[in-house]
Amino acid sequence: MSRIRIRQTRGTRPHTRSSRLAAAGVAAAATALLAAALTPTAGAADRPGRATAIDNAAAALVKEAARLGLTSAEGTSVRDVVVDANGDQHVRYDRTYRKLPVLGGDFVVHLAPDGSYRGANRATSRDLSVPTTTPALAAPEAADLATAALRAAHLGETLKKVTAKPQLVVDALHGAPRLAWRTNVVGQDSLGNPVARTVLTDARTGRQIDAWDSIETATGDGQSLYSGTVPLETTLSGSTYQLKDPTRGNTYTGDAANKTDLCIFGICVSRAPATLFTDADNHWGTGAASDRSSAAVDAQYGTNETWDYYKNVHGRTGIAGDGKGSYNRVHYGSNYNNAFWDDSCFCMTYGDGDGTTFGPLVALDVAGHEMSHGVTSKTAALTYSGESGGLNEATSDIFGTLVEFYANNPTDRGDYLIGEKIVRSGFGKAALRFMDQPSKDGNSANCWSSSVGNLDVHYSSGVANHFAYLLAEGSGAKTINGVSYNSPTCNNSTVTGIGRDKLGAIWYRALTVYMTSSTNYAGARTATLNAAKDLYGAGSTEYNAVAAAWSAVSVS
């Protein structure tokens, strides 16, 4: 590949018991809703107030069903819960229509500390009913169309082992709700590396509605490749140390042995190994790529710093908020110029790069970027297409950058460059992306326009990256940690920054409380203003700075 796309593979969400609003009788509806609401969710056991919030939200769904547009044909399932320090509660739901998943049916219910209903954010306010749930286009036909779309997206490449798995859904993301096939199609390139695409097809006409990459790209003591000598928490098993961290949910790192996954019908039935790294003396790696443990040190360290950032800064324990760790696979594939987060295995995977364009893709900001895709998936689940896809990518760039600053590593100091450690001279640029002036990568947008949603999500993300830099640091020229920046504004205004900590607090709250799968740039402005109002007050310096930074990138 000529360009890395730091990425995540979007897996299926955990199956939870769905609730149903019965048309006949509030009591029956309340029973069904409470049954769904009490289905265990991530972190329910160790986060006080979650169970109460879920009970309160279930009662609110019954009382506010008409206002929320819920009908007896729909089911709901809890995806995530946020309980504020002051007792405010925010419960996020996914929705089904006649047992079919609804794309864009998600919503967040907001409750006061006493459990009373305050309002909701809905991905769509439309009626979700469709004339029929029987498709005119058969599943095999949808699979063939999706396979053709994958091959078209990789025109000129020889693909092998291509399989497709269609799922019938209701699409409420693209205008009036309609019956559609969501098809995950996967394959391998000539080197055996994975390629994947999600294709949305109208189940009545066979017309393609949308398509996006379903692998979202970019990318003790131990001697790492990029971050110097770093501390590692490990596990002693007998007389051997394992690269497994018992203090961070047993997160571990394994060797993929340069193999790749075998995926059939959109499901990986055989994964490249993740053979746990072990060591005799608990001193890992040499800092050289020739020692396979060196890349493992970087991966484990990146996981640790990302875990600590979310826990210590945002109070989120683990990517899913449930205290459970993930795992890393390093040395994946052959000359693989990529790294990706995969929901279906809840794991990070890193290629070694080709040595010309990229080195091993285990840098700290890459780890923070990829694992943040997991956080997005477990919260707003921003659709990886159009403007919401740009916001998805930008979220990972923003938090990957904040993780790097949080780590305060003297060998890899915090900056607003993405992937600067992994690029080689053959790439032709100093980094993958530049948050102060995104257009410096040759493709990304500095400013919003009506055509931004038509860009690749790694380029449309530039608008939010530019906003984030301006909100944290302000406009104009400056030097931070030895790196020179000069951030312009699209409206020739002067923006005064409020600092990285406040940027992170505002974006995290917007992501976890207000954004939904269909949030676009205008919606992101509203979500971050709401977050700033919650945290600092309406009309505060921070609130006004958010408004000014969005205006400075032409989002109004």
Protein backbone atom coordinates (compact mmCIF):
# COMPACT_ATOMS: atom_id res chain seq x y z
CA MET A 1 0.00 0.00 0.00
CA SER A 2 1.19 3.51 -0.73
CA ARG A 3 -0.40 4.94 2.40
CA ILE A 4 -1.16 3.51 5.80
CA ARG A 5 -4.62 3.88 7.23
CA ILE A 6 -4.61 3.27 10.94
CA ARG A 7 -7.66 1.16 11.41
CA GLN A 8 -10.18 -0.99 13.26
CA THR A 9 -12.16 -4.02 12.09
CA ARG A 10 -15.77 -3.59 13.03
CA GLY A 11 -17.10 -6.82 14.47
CA THR A 12 -20.63 -7.78 15.44
CA ARG A 13 -21.90 -6.37 18.69
CA PRO A 14 -22.51 -8.72 21.63
CA HIS A 15 -25.94 -10.26 21.51
CA THR A 16 -28.15 -8.94 24.31
CA ARG A 17 -31.73 -9.67 25.15
CA SER A 18 -33.87 -7.12 23.29
CA SER A 19 -36.85 -5.36 24.83
CA ARG A 20 -40.20 -4.89 23.16
CA LEU A 21 -42.74 -2.15 23.71
CA ALA A 22 -46.11 -3.85 23.83
CA ALA A 23 -48.89 -1.80 22.32
CA ALA A 24 -51.50 -3.29 24.65
CA GLY A 25 -50.84 -2.17 28.18
CA VAL A 26 -48.08 -0.21 29.86
CA ALA A 27 -47.49 -2.97 32.42
CA ALA A 28 -46.59 -5.55 29.80
CA ALA A 29 -44.30 -3.08 28.06
CA ALA A 30 -42.64 -2.18 31.36
CA THR A 31 -41.97 -5.84 32.12
CA ALA A 32 -40.34 -6.40 28.72
CA LEU A 33 -38.31 -3.22 28.94
CA LEU A 34 -37.07 -3.99 32.44
CA ALA A 35 -36.04 -7.48 31.35
CA ALA A 36 -33.96 -5.98 28.55
CA ALA A 37 -32.59 -3.22 30.72
CA LEU A 38 -31.41 -5.68 33.35
CA THR A 39 -29.42 -7.65 30.79
CA PRO A 40 -25.79 -7.46 32.00
CA THR A 41 -23.73 -4.81 30.24
CA ALA A 42 -20.04 -3.92 30.28
CA GLY A 43 -18.90 -2.79 33.70
CA ALA A 44 -22.28 -3.20 35.46
CA ALA A 45 -20.71 -5.05 38.38
CA ASP A 46 -17.99 -2.57 39.16
CA ARG A 47 -19.53 0.84 38.39
CA PRO A 48 -21.95 1.99 41.15
CA GLY A 49 -25.18 3.43 39.84
CA ARG A 50 -25.24 1.63 36.48
CA ALA A 51 -27.98 -0.81 37.46
CA THR A 52 -30.09 2.02 38.85
CA ALA A 53 -29.54 4.07 35.70
CA ILE A 54 -30.67 1.14 33.55
CA ASP A 55 -33.80 0.68 35.68
CA ASN A 56 -34.59 4.39 35.44
CA ALA A 57 -34.05 4.43 31.69
CA ALA A 58 -36.29 1.40 31.23
CA ALA A 59 -39.08 3.18 33.06
CA ALA A 60 -38.48 6.28 30.95
CA LEU A 61 -38.79 4.26 27.73
CA VAL A 62 -42.26 3.15 28.77
CA LYS A 63 -43.38 6.63 29.80
CA GLU A 64 -41.81 8.47 26.87
CA ALA A 65 -42.37 5.83 24.17
CA ALA A 66 -44.40 8.13 21.95
CA ARG A 67 -41.91 10.98 22.25
CA LEU A 68 -39.03 8.62 21.45
CA GLY A 69 -40.89 7.11 18.49
CA LEU A 70 -40.86 3.60 19.98
CA THR A 71 -43.53 1.15 18.80
CA SER A 72 -44.57 -2.40 19.55
CA ALA A 73 -42.62 -3.58 16.48
CA GLU A 74 -39.33 -2.36 17.93
CA GLY A 75 -36.88 -3.81 20.41
CA THR A 76 -34.14 -2.11 22.41
CA SER A 77 -30.91 -3.28 24.02
CA VAL A 78 -28.53 -1.37 26.28
CA ARG A 79 -25.13 -0.66 24.73
CA ASP A 80 -23.49 1.65 27.27
CA VAL A 81 -24.14 3.62 30.46
CA VAL A 82 -22.53 6.83 31.74
CA VAL A 83 -23.24 8.01 35.28
CA ASP A 84 -21.93 11.51 36.07
CA ALA A 85 -20.40 12.47 39.39
CA ASN A 86 -23.50 14.54 40.18
CA GLY A 87 -25.82 11.58 39.53
CA ASP A 88 -26.99 12.47 36.01
CA GLN A 89 -27.46 9.30 33.96
CA HIS A 90 -27.07 8.63 30.24
CA VAL A 91 -28.14 5.25 28.87
CA ARG A 92 -27.38 4.35 25.26
CA TYR A 93 -29.58 1.92 23.32
CA ASP A 94 -29.50 0.02 20.05
CA ARG A 95 -32.79 -0.73 18.33
CA THR A 96 -34.34 -3.47 16.21
CA TYR A 97 -37.40 -3.43 13.96
CA ARG A 98 -39.25 -6.75 13.81
CA LYS A 99 -36.05 -8.32 15.17
CA LEU A 100 -33.87 -6.83 12.40
CA PRO A 101 -30.96 -4.57 13.45
CA VAL A 102 -31.61 -0.91 12.66
CA LEU A 103 -28.65 1.04 11.32
CA GLY A 104 -29.09 4.52 12.76
CA GLY A 105 -31.72 3.43 15.26
CA ASP A 106 -29.51 4.10 18.27
CA PHE A 107 -30.37 6.73 20.86
CA VAL A 108 -29.22 8.01 24.27
CA VAL A 109 -31.66 8.69 27.11
CA HIS A 110 -30.66 11.43 29.59
CA LEU A 111 -31.92 11.29 33.17
CA ALA A 112 -31.67 13.55 36.21
CA PRO A 113 -30.10 12.27 39.46
CA ASP A 114 -33.58 11.31 40.71
CA GLY A 115 -34.11 9.24 37.57
CA SER A 116 -36.56 11.60 35.91
CA TYR A 117 -36.43 11.94 32.12
CA ARG A 118 -34.59 14.97 30.73
CA GLY A 119 -34.35 14.23 27.04
CA ALA A 120 -32.69 12.07 24.41
CA ASN A 121 -30.32 12.15 21.47
CA ARG A 122 -31.52 10.03 18.56
CA ALA A 123 -29.58 9.04 15.48
CA THR A 124 -32.85 9.46 13.58
CA SER A 125 -36.29 10.79 14.49
CA ARG A 126 -37.98 9.04 11.57
CA ASP A 127 -40.58 6.30 11.86
CA LEU A 128 -38.61 3.06 11.45
CA SER A 129 -41.39 1.03 9.85
CA VAL A 130 -40.79 -0.47 6.42
CA PRO A 131 -43.48 -1.93 4.13
CA THR A 132 -42.09 -5.45 4.35
CA THR A 133 -39.23 -7.38 5.91
CA THR A 134 -39.17 -9.81 3.00
CA PRO A 135 -36.41 -8.86 0.54
CA ALA A 136 -36.91 -8.84 -3.21
CA LEU A 137 -33.16 -9.35 -3.62
CA ALA A 138 -31.99 -12.76 -2.40
CA ALA A 139 -29.04 -13.12 -0.05
CA PRO A 140 -26.78 -14.81 -2.63
CA GLU A 141 -27.38 -11.90 -5.02
CA ALA A 142 -26.45 -9.42 -2.28
CA ALA A 143 -23.30 -11.44 -1.60
CA ASP A 144 -22.33 -11.33 -5.29
CA LEU A 145 -22.86 -7.56 -5.46
CA ALA A 146 -20.75 -7.03 -2.35
CA THR A 147 -17.98 -9.26 -3.70
CA ALA A 148 -17.92 -7.20 -6.88
CA ALA A 149 -17.72 -4.02 -4.79
CA LEU A 150 -14.71 -5.36 -2.86
CA ARG A 151 -12.93 -6.29 -6.09
CA ALA A 152 -13.73 -2.87 -7.57
CA ALA A 153 -12.26 -1.18 -4.49
CA HIS A 154 -9.05 -3.15 -5.03
CA LEU A 155 -8.94 -2.83 -8.79
CA GLY A 156 -5.62 -4.10 -10.16
CA GLU A 157 -4.97 -6.37 -7.18
CA THR A 158 -5.34 -10.13 -7.21
CA LEU A 159 -7.68 -11.14 -4.40
CA LYS A 160 -8.15 -14.66 -3.13
CA LYS A 161 -10.31 -16.51 -0.59
CA VAL A 162 -13.07 -13.91 -0.99
CA THR A 163 -16.22 -14.69 0.99
CA ALA A 164 -19.32 -12.66 1.81
CA LYS A 165 -21.93 -12.86 4.55
CA PRO A 166 -25.14 -10.81 4.04
CA GLN A 167 -27.34 -9.76 6.98
CA LEU A 168 -30.81 -8.29 6.56
CA VAL A 169 -31.17 -4.92 8.32
CA VAL A 170 -33.27 -1.77 8.33
CA ASP A 171 -31.21 1.17 7.08
CA ALA A 172 -32.19 4.43 8.75
CA LEU A 173 -28.87 6.14 8.10
CA HIS A 174 -29.50 7.16 4.51
CA GLY A 175 -32.85 8.93 4.39
CA ALA A 176 -36.18 7.18 4.77
CA PRO A 177 -35.82 3.75 6.44
CA ARG A 178 -35.63 0.87 4.00
CA LEU A 179 -34.91 -2.83 4.03
CA ALA A 180 -31.28 -3.51 3.15
CA TRP A 181 -28.58 -6.13 3.08
CA ARG A 182 -25.46 -5.34 5.10
CA THR A 183 -22.80 -7.61 3.68
CA ASN A 184 -19.36 -8.11 5.18
CA VAL A 185 -17.05 -9.34 2.44
CA VAL A 186 -13.47 -10.37 3.23
CA GLY A 187 -10.53 -11.75 1.33
CA GLN A 188 -6.77 -11.73 1.05
CA ASP A 189 -4.37 -9.87 -1.19
CA SER A 190 -1.49 -11.53 -3.05
CA LEU A 191 0.63 -11.50 0.15
CA GLY A 192 -2.11 -13.11 2.21
CA ASN A 193 -2.94 -9.91 4.09
CA PRO A 194 -6.63 -9.29 4.86
CA VAL A 195 -8.90 -6.99 2.88
CA ALA A 196 -12.48 -6.31 3.90
CA ARG A 197 -15.43 -4.11 2.99
CA THR A 198 -18.94 -3.62 4.29
CA VAL A 199 -21.49 -3.06 1.52
CA LEU A 200 -25.03 -1.81 2.11
CA THR A 201 -27.46 -2.83 -0.63
CA ASP A 202 -31.12 -1.91 -1.10
CA ALA A 203 -32.96 -5.21 -0.57
CA ARG A 204 -35.69 -4.16 -2.99
CA THR A 205 -33.78 -2.71 -5.95
CA GLY A 206 -30.27 -4.14 -5.53
CA ARG A 207 -28.78 -0.63 -5.68
CA GLN A 208 -25.71 -0.01 -3.57
CA ILE A 209 -26.55 2.44 -0.79
CA ASP A 210 -23.10 2.78 0.75
CA ALA A 211 -19.83 0.92 1.25
CA TRP A 212 -16.86 1.33 3.53
CA ASP A 213 -13.70 -0.44 4.58
CA SER A 214 -14.57 -2.71 7.50
CA ILE A 215 -10.96 -2.73 8.57
CA GLU A 216 -10.49 0.86 9.70
CA THR A 217 -6.95 1.80 8.87
CA ALA A 218 -4.20 4.29 9.56
CA THR A 219 -1.72 1.55 12.05
CA GLY A 220 8.58 -4.72 32.32
CA ASP A 221 11.44 -3.35 31.68
CA GLY A 222 11.71 -3.64 28.00
CA GLN A 223 13.81 -2.04 25.30
CA SER A 224 11.39 -0.85 22.67
CA LEU A 225 11.85 0.21 19.06
CA TYR A 226 10.43 3.72 19.49
CA SER A 227 9.98 4.61 23.17
CA GLY A 228 13.30 3.66 24.76
CA THR A 229 13.43 1.49 27.87
CA VAL A 230 9.99 1.26 29.47
CA PRO A 231 8.53 -0.41 32.57
CA LEU A 232 6.33 -3.48 32.06
CA GLU A 233 4.09 -5.37 34.46
CA THR A 234 4.40 -9.09 33.72
CA THR A 235 3.19 -12.45 35.07
CA LEU A 236 5.51 -15.04 36.58
CA SER A 237 4.47 -18.59 35.69
CA GLY A 238 6.78 -21.10 37.28
CA SER A 239 10.25 -19.86 36.43
CA THR A 240 9.15 -18.06 33.23
CA TYR A 241 7.85 -14.52 32.83
CA GLN A 242 4.88 -13.91 30.52
CA LEU A 243 4.22 -10.62 28.72
CA LYS A 244 0.80 -10.44 30.38
CA ASP A 245 -0.22 -7.56 32.64
CA PRO A 246 -2.37 -8.65 35.61
CA THR A 247 -2.83 -5.00 36.68
CA ARG A 248 -4.54 -4.08 33.40
CA GLY A 249 -7.09 -6.82 32.86
CA ASN A 250 -4.47 -9.44 31.85
CA THR A 251 -3.71 -7.61 28.62
CA TYR A 252 -1.03 -9.57 26.80
CA THR A 253 1.10 -9.57 23.65
CA GLY A 254 1.71 -12.52 21.33
CA ASP A 255 3.68 -13.35 18.19
CA ALA A 256 1.59 -13.83 15.02
CA ALA A 257 4.60 -15.53 13.39
CA ASN A 258 4.05 -13.52 10.17
CA LYS A 259 0.83 -15.42 9.49
CA THR A 260 -2.61 -14.01 8.63
CA ASP A 261 -6.23 -14.78 9.53
CA LEU A 262 -8.52 -17.11 7.59
CA CYS A 263 -11.95 -15.51 7.30
CA ILE A 264 -15.01 -17.14 5.71
CA PHE A 265 -18.40 -15.47 5.17
CA GLY A 266 -17.22 -12.42 7.08
CA ILE A 267 -16.22 -14.47 10.13
CA CYS A 268 -12.59 -15.28 10.96
CA VAL A 269 -12.65 -19.02 11.56
CA SER A 270 -8.91 -19.31 12.00
CA ARG A 271 -6.77 -16.53 13.41
CA ALA A 272 -3.07 -16.01 13.06
CA PRO A 273 -1.46 -17.22 16.28
CA ALA A 274 -0.86 -14.96 19.21
CA THR A 275 1.78 -17.07 20.89
CA LEU A 276 2.39 -15.40 24.24
CA PHE A 277 5.84 -13.86 24.57
CA THR A 278 7.87 -15.28 27.45
CA ASP A 279 11.24 -14.40 28.95
CA ALA A 280 13.61 -15.89 31.49
CA ASP A 281 14.87 -12.75 33.26
CA ASN A 282 12.01 -10.22 32.79
CA HIS A 283 14.16 -7.93 30.64
CA TRP A 284 12.46 -7.82 27.26
CA GLY A 285 13.81 -6.90 23.83
CA THR A 286 17.00 -5.23 22.72
CA GLY A 287 15.59 -2.16 20.97
CA ALA A 288 16.46 -3.70 17.59
CA ALA A 289 13.92 -5.02 15.08
CA SER A 290 15.95 -8.22 14.72
CA ASP A 291 14.80 -9.18 18.23
CA ARG A 292 11.14 -10.14 17.88
CA SER A 293 10.48 -9.13 21.47
CA SER A 294 11.36 -5.48 20.80
CA ALA A 295 8.17 -4.86 18.81
CA ALA A 296 6.24 -6.72 21.51
CA VAL A 297 7.59 -4.27 24.10
CA ASP A 298 6.25 -1.34 22.07
CA ALA A 299 2.84 -2.97 21.66
CA GLN A 300 2.49 -3.85 25.33
CA TYR A 301 3.70 -0.41 26.40
CA GLY A 302 1.23 1.29 24.03
CA THR A 303 -1.60 -0.80 25.46
CA ASN A 304 -0.55 0.08 28.99
CA GLU A 305 -0.40 3.82 28.37
CA THR A 306 -3.74 3.82 26.56
CA TRP A 307 -5.36 1.84 29.40
CA ASP A 308 -3.91 4.27 31.97
CA TYR A 309 -4.98 7.34 30.00
CA TYR A 310 -8.62 6.28 29.78
CA LYS A 311 -8.71 5.10 33.41
CA ASN A 312 -6.86 7.97 35.06
CA VAL A 313 -8.20 10.80 32.88
CA HIS A 314 -11.73 9.67 32.00
CA GLY A 315 -12.50 7.02 34.63
CA ARG A 316 -12.92 4.31 31.97
CA THR A 317 -11.39 0.98 33.02
CA GLY A 318 -10.56 -0.92 29.85
CA ILE A 319 -11.66 -0.30 26.29
CA ALA A 320 -15.17 -1.59 26.92
CA GLY A 321 -15.33 -0.03 30.38
CA ASP A 322 -15.64 -3.49 31.97
CA GLY A 323 -12.14 -3.89 33.39
CA LYS A 324 -11.22 -6.59 30.90
CA GLY A 325 -8.00 -6.44 28.92
CA SER A 326 -7.42 -6.96 25.22
CA TYR A 327 -4.42 -8.51 23.50
CA ASN A 328 -1.85 -7.63 20.87
CA ARG A 329 -0.53 -9.56 17.91
CA VAL A 330 2.79 -8.38 16.49
CA HIS A 331 4.68 -9.57 13.38
CA TYR A 332 1.43 -10.08 11.44
CA GLY A 333 1.58 -10.94 7.73
CA SER A 334 4.33 -10.35 5.20
CA ASN A 335 5.68 -6.77 4.91
CA TYR A 336 2.28 -5.71 6.19
CA ASN A 337 2.00 -1.90 6.11
CA ASN A 338 -0.82 -1.65 8.59
CA ALA A 339 -2.19 -1.97 12.09
CA PHE A 340 -5.81 -2.53 13.09
CA TRP A 341 -8.18 -2.96 15.99
CA ASP A 342 -10.65 -5.85 15.60
CA ASP A 343 -13.83 -5.88 17.70
CA SER A 344 -14.53 -9.52 16.97
CA CYS A 345 -11.35 -10.66 18.75
CA PHE A 346 -11.07 -7.55 20.94
CA CYS A 347 -7.46 -7.32 19.89
CA MET A 348 -4.80 -5.14 18.29
CA THR A 349 -2.79 -6.38 15.32
CA TYR A 350 0.45 -4.87 14.03
CA GLY A 351 2.33 -5.46 10.79
CA ASP A 352 6.11 -5.10 10.49
CA GLY A 353 5.93 -2.67 7.56
CA ASP A 354 7.91 -3.08 4.37
CA GLY A 355 10.98 -1.31 5.73
CA THR A 356 10.84 1.29 2.94
CA THR A 357 7.56 3.09 3.47
CA PHE A 358 7.00 2.05 7.08
CA GLY A 359 8.82 0.29 9.86
CA PRO A 360 6.98 -1.89 12.42
CA LEU A 361 3.68 -0.17 13.16
CA VAL A 362 3.89 -0.42 16.94
CA ALA A 363 4.39 3.27 17.81
CA LEU A 364 2.66 4.73 20.86
CA ASP A 365 0.23 7.03 19.04
CA VAL A 366 -0.71 4.19 16.68
CA ALA A 367 -1.66 2.04 19.68
CA GLY A 368 -3.68 4.89 21.19
CA HIS A 369 -5.38 5.49 17.84
CA GLU A 370 -6.33 1.86 17.26
CA MET A 371 -7.59 1.14 20.75
CA SER A 372 -9.67 4.32 20.61
CA HIS A 373 -11.55 2.76 17.68
CA GLY A 374 -12.59 0.15 20.25
CA VAL A 375 -13.84 2.87 22.61
CA THR A 376 -15.82 4.47 19.77
CA SER A 377 -17.32 1.11 18.85
CA LYS A 378 -18.48 0.57 22.42
CA THR A 379 -19.98 4.07 22.70
CA ALA A 380 -21.17 6.24 19.79
CA ALA A 381 -20.36 3.61 17.12
CA LEU A 382 -19.87 6.34 14.52
CA THR A 383 -20.60 4.85 11.10
CA TYR A 384 -17.37 4.47 9.14
CA SER A 385 -18.62 6.37 6.13
CA GLY A 386 -19.28 10.00 5.17
CA GLU A 387 -18.89 12.70 7.79
CA SER A 388 -19.50 10.30 10.68
CA GLY A 389 -16.60 8.20 9.36
CA GLY A 390 -14.35 11.26 9.38
CA LEU A 391 -15.36 11.90 13.00
CA ASN A 392 -14.62 8.26 13.81
CA GLU A 393 -11.09 8.56 12.42
CA ALA A 394 -10.54 11.95 14.03
CA THR A 395 -11.62 10.56 17.40
CA SER A 396 -8.81 8.03 17.18
CA ASP A 397 -6.30 10.67 16.05
CA ILE A 398 -7.35 12.97 18.90
CA PHE A 399 -7.11 10.34 21.61
CA GLY A 400 -3.99 8.75 20.10
CA THR A 401 -2.37 12.18 20.37
CA LEU A 402 -3.61 12.70 23.92
CA VAL A 403 -2.26 9.27 24.93
CA GLU A 404 1.14 10.25 23.56
CA PHE A 405 1.14 13.51 25.55
CA TYR A 406 -0.14 11.64 28.64
CA ALA A 407 2.71 9.11 28.48
CA ASN A 408 5.26 11.95 28.59
CA ASN A 409 7.92 9.61 27.20
CA PRO A 410 11.25 11.42 26.66
CA THR A 411 12.05 9.28 23.60
CA ASP A 412 8.64 9.78 21.97
CA ARG A 413 7.48 13.18 23.16
CA GLY A 414 3.91 14.29 22.66
CA ASP A 415 3.10 16.05 19.38
CA TYR A 416 0.28 16.74 16.95
CA LEU A 417 1.76 14.48 14.26
CA ILE A 418 0.21 11.06 13.64
CA GLY A 419 2.54 8.10 13.05
CA GLU A 420 5.75 10.15 12.83
CA LYS A 421 7.79 7.32 14.39
CA ILE A 422 6.83 4.64 11.87
CA VAL A 423 7.34 6.52 8.58
CA ARG A 424 10.48 5.98 6.55
CA SER A 425 12.12 8.20 3.95
CA GLY A 426 10.25 6.37 1.20
CA PHE A 427 6.97 7.78 2.48
CA GLY A 428 7.93 11.30 1.42
CA LYS A 429 6.41 13.01 4.46
CA ALA A 430 7.38 13.42 8.09
CA ALA A 431 4.16 11.88 9.39
CA LEU A 432 0.87 10.34 8.30
CA ARG A 433 -1.27 13.29 9.39
CA PHE A 434 -0.76 16.84 10.71
CA MET A 435 -3.42 18.08 13.10
CA ASP A 436 -2.44 21.76 13.06
CA GLN A 437 -2.80 21.96 9.28
CA PRO A 438 -4.25 18.69 7.94
CA SER A 439 -3.77 19.62 4.26
CA LYS A 440 -0.01 19.23 4.71
CA ASP A 441 -0.48 15.50 4.05
CA GLY A 442 -1.58 16.42 0.52
CA ASN A 443 -5.16 15.16 0.82
CA SER A 444 -6.88 16.06 4.09
CA ALA A 445 -9.39 18.88 4.48
CA ASN A 446 -8.57 21.86 6.69
CA CYS A 447 -12.09 23.29 6.48
CA TRP A 448 -15.60 21.89 6.25
CA SER A 449 -17.52 22.11 2.99
CA SER A 450 -20.57 20.32 1.65
CA SER A 451 -18.29 17.90 -0.23
CA VAL A 452 -16.24 16.79 2.81
CA GLY A 453 -18.47 13.75 3.33
CA ASN A 454 -17.47 12.45 -0.11
CA LEU A 455 -13.80 12.19 0.90
CA ASP A 456 -12.07 9.11 2.24
CA VAL A 457 -12.66 9.15 6.00
CA HIS A 458 -8.92 9.55 6.64
CA TYR A 459 -9.09 12.87 4.76
CA SER A 460 -12.48 14.13 5.96
CA SER A 461 -11.14 13.59 9.49
CA GLY A 462 -8.92 16.64 8.90
CA VAL A 463 -11.74 19.03 9.80
CA ALA A 464 -12.14 17.58 13.31
CA ASN A 465 -8.38 17.18 13.77
CA HIS A 466 -7.94 20.86 12.88
CA PHE A 467 -10.74 21.79 15.32
CA ALA A 468 -9.09 19.74 18.08
CA TYR A 469 -5.70 21.39 17.57
CA LEU A 470 -7.22 24.88 17.58
CA LEU A 471 -9.29 24.13 20.69
CA ALA A 472 -6.23 22.87 22.57
CA GLU A 473 -3.49 25.18 21.31
CA GLY A 474 -5.10 28.04 19.42
CA SER A 475 -4.21 29.48 16.02
CA GLY A 476 -0.94 30.88 14.75
CA ALA A 477 2.69 29.82 14.99
CA LYS A 478 4.22 28.13 18.01
CA THR A 479 6.68 25.41 19.04
CA ILE A 480 5.66 22.55 21.33
CA ASN A 481 8.16 19.92 22.50
CA GLY A 482 10.54 21.01 19.76
CA VAL A 483 7.99 20.71 16.92
CA SER A 484 6.94 23.84 15.03
CA TYR A 485 3.27 24.39 14.21
CA ASN A 486 1.37 27.09 12.38
CA SER A 487 -2.36 26.56 12.40
CA PRO A 488 -4.47 28.81 10.16
CA THR A 489 -8.21 29.38 10.48
CA CYS A 490 -10.74 29.15 7.68
CA ASN A 491 -12.49 32.39 8.63
CA ASN A 492 -9.32 34.40 9.35
CA SER A 493 -10.20 34.54 13.04
CA THR A 494 -7.80 34.23 15.96
CA VAL A 495 -8.55 31.31 18.29
CA THR A 496 -7.23 31.03 21.84
CA GLY A 497 -6.72 27.46 23.01
CA ILE A 498 -7.94 26.02 26.32
CA GLY A 499 -5.41 23.18 26.65
CA ARG A 500 -5.25 19.48 25.88
CA ASP A 501 -6.89 18.34 29.12
CA LYS A 502 -10.06 20.29 28.41
CA LEU A 503 -10.07 19.18 24.78
CA GLY A 504 -9.97 15.55 25.96
CA ALA A 505 -12.68 16.04 28.57
CA ILE A 506 -15.03 17.75 26.10
CA TRP A 507 -14.49 15.27 23.25
CA TYR A 508 -14.82 12.22 25.52
CA ARG A 509 -18.09 13.44 27.00
CA ALA A 510 -19.44 14.34 23.57
CA LEU A 511 -18.50 10.88 22.28
CA THR A 512 -19.90 8.90 25.18
CA VAL A 513 -23.00 10.96 26.00
CA TYR A 514 -24.19 12.87 22.92
CA MET A 515 -22.86 11.45 19.64
CA THR A 516 -24.69 8.67 17.82
CA SER A 517 -23.90 6.50 14.83
CA SER A 518 -25.13 9.15 12.36
CA THR A 519 -23.50 12.24 13.91
CA ASN A 520 -22.12 14.57 11.23
CA TYR A 521 -19.98 17.70 11.64
CA ALA A 522 -22.92 19.93 12.52
CA GLY A 523 -23.98 17.33 15.07
CA ALA A 524 -20.44 17.17 16.46
CA ARG A 525 -20.51 20.91 17.03
CA THR A 526 -23.75 20.54 18.98
CA ALA A 527 -22.45 17.52 20.91
CA THR A 528 -19.23 19.24 21.98
CA LEU A 529 -21.07 22.43 22.93
CA ASN A 530 -23.41 20.35 25.08
CA ALA A 531 -20.39 18.64 26.63
CA ALA A 532 -18.68 21.99 27.31
CA LYS A 533 -21.89 23.32 28.87
CA ASP A 534 -22.13 20.25 31.14
CA LEU A 535 -18.49 20.48 32.22
CA TYR A 536 -17.87 24.23 32.40
CA GLY A 537 -21.20 26.01 32.00
CA ALA A 538 -23.03 27.74 29.17
CA GLY A 539 -21.27 30.93 28.17
CA SER A 540 -18.04 29.84 29.87
CA THR A 541 -14.63 30.48 28.33
CA GLU A 542 -14.49 26.80 27.37
CA TYR A 543 -17.98 26.84 25.81
CA ASN A 544 -17.14 29.91 23.76
CA ALA A 545 -13.79 28.40 22.71
CA VAL A 546 -15.56 25.31 21.35
CA ALA A 547 -17.89 27.51 19.31
CA ALA A 548 -14.97 29.62 18.04
CA ALA A 549 -12.86 26.58 17.07
CA TRP A 550 -15.72 25.03 15.07
CA SER A 551 -16.38 28.34 13.32
CA ALA A 552 -12.66 28.53 12.53
CA VAL A 553 -12.96 25.29 10.52
CA SER A 554 -16.22 26.44 8.84
CA VAL A 555 -18.60 24.30 10.92
CA SER A 556 -21.49 26.43 12.11
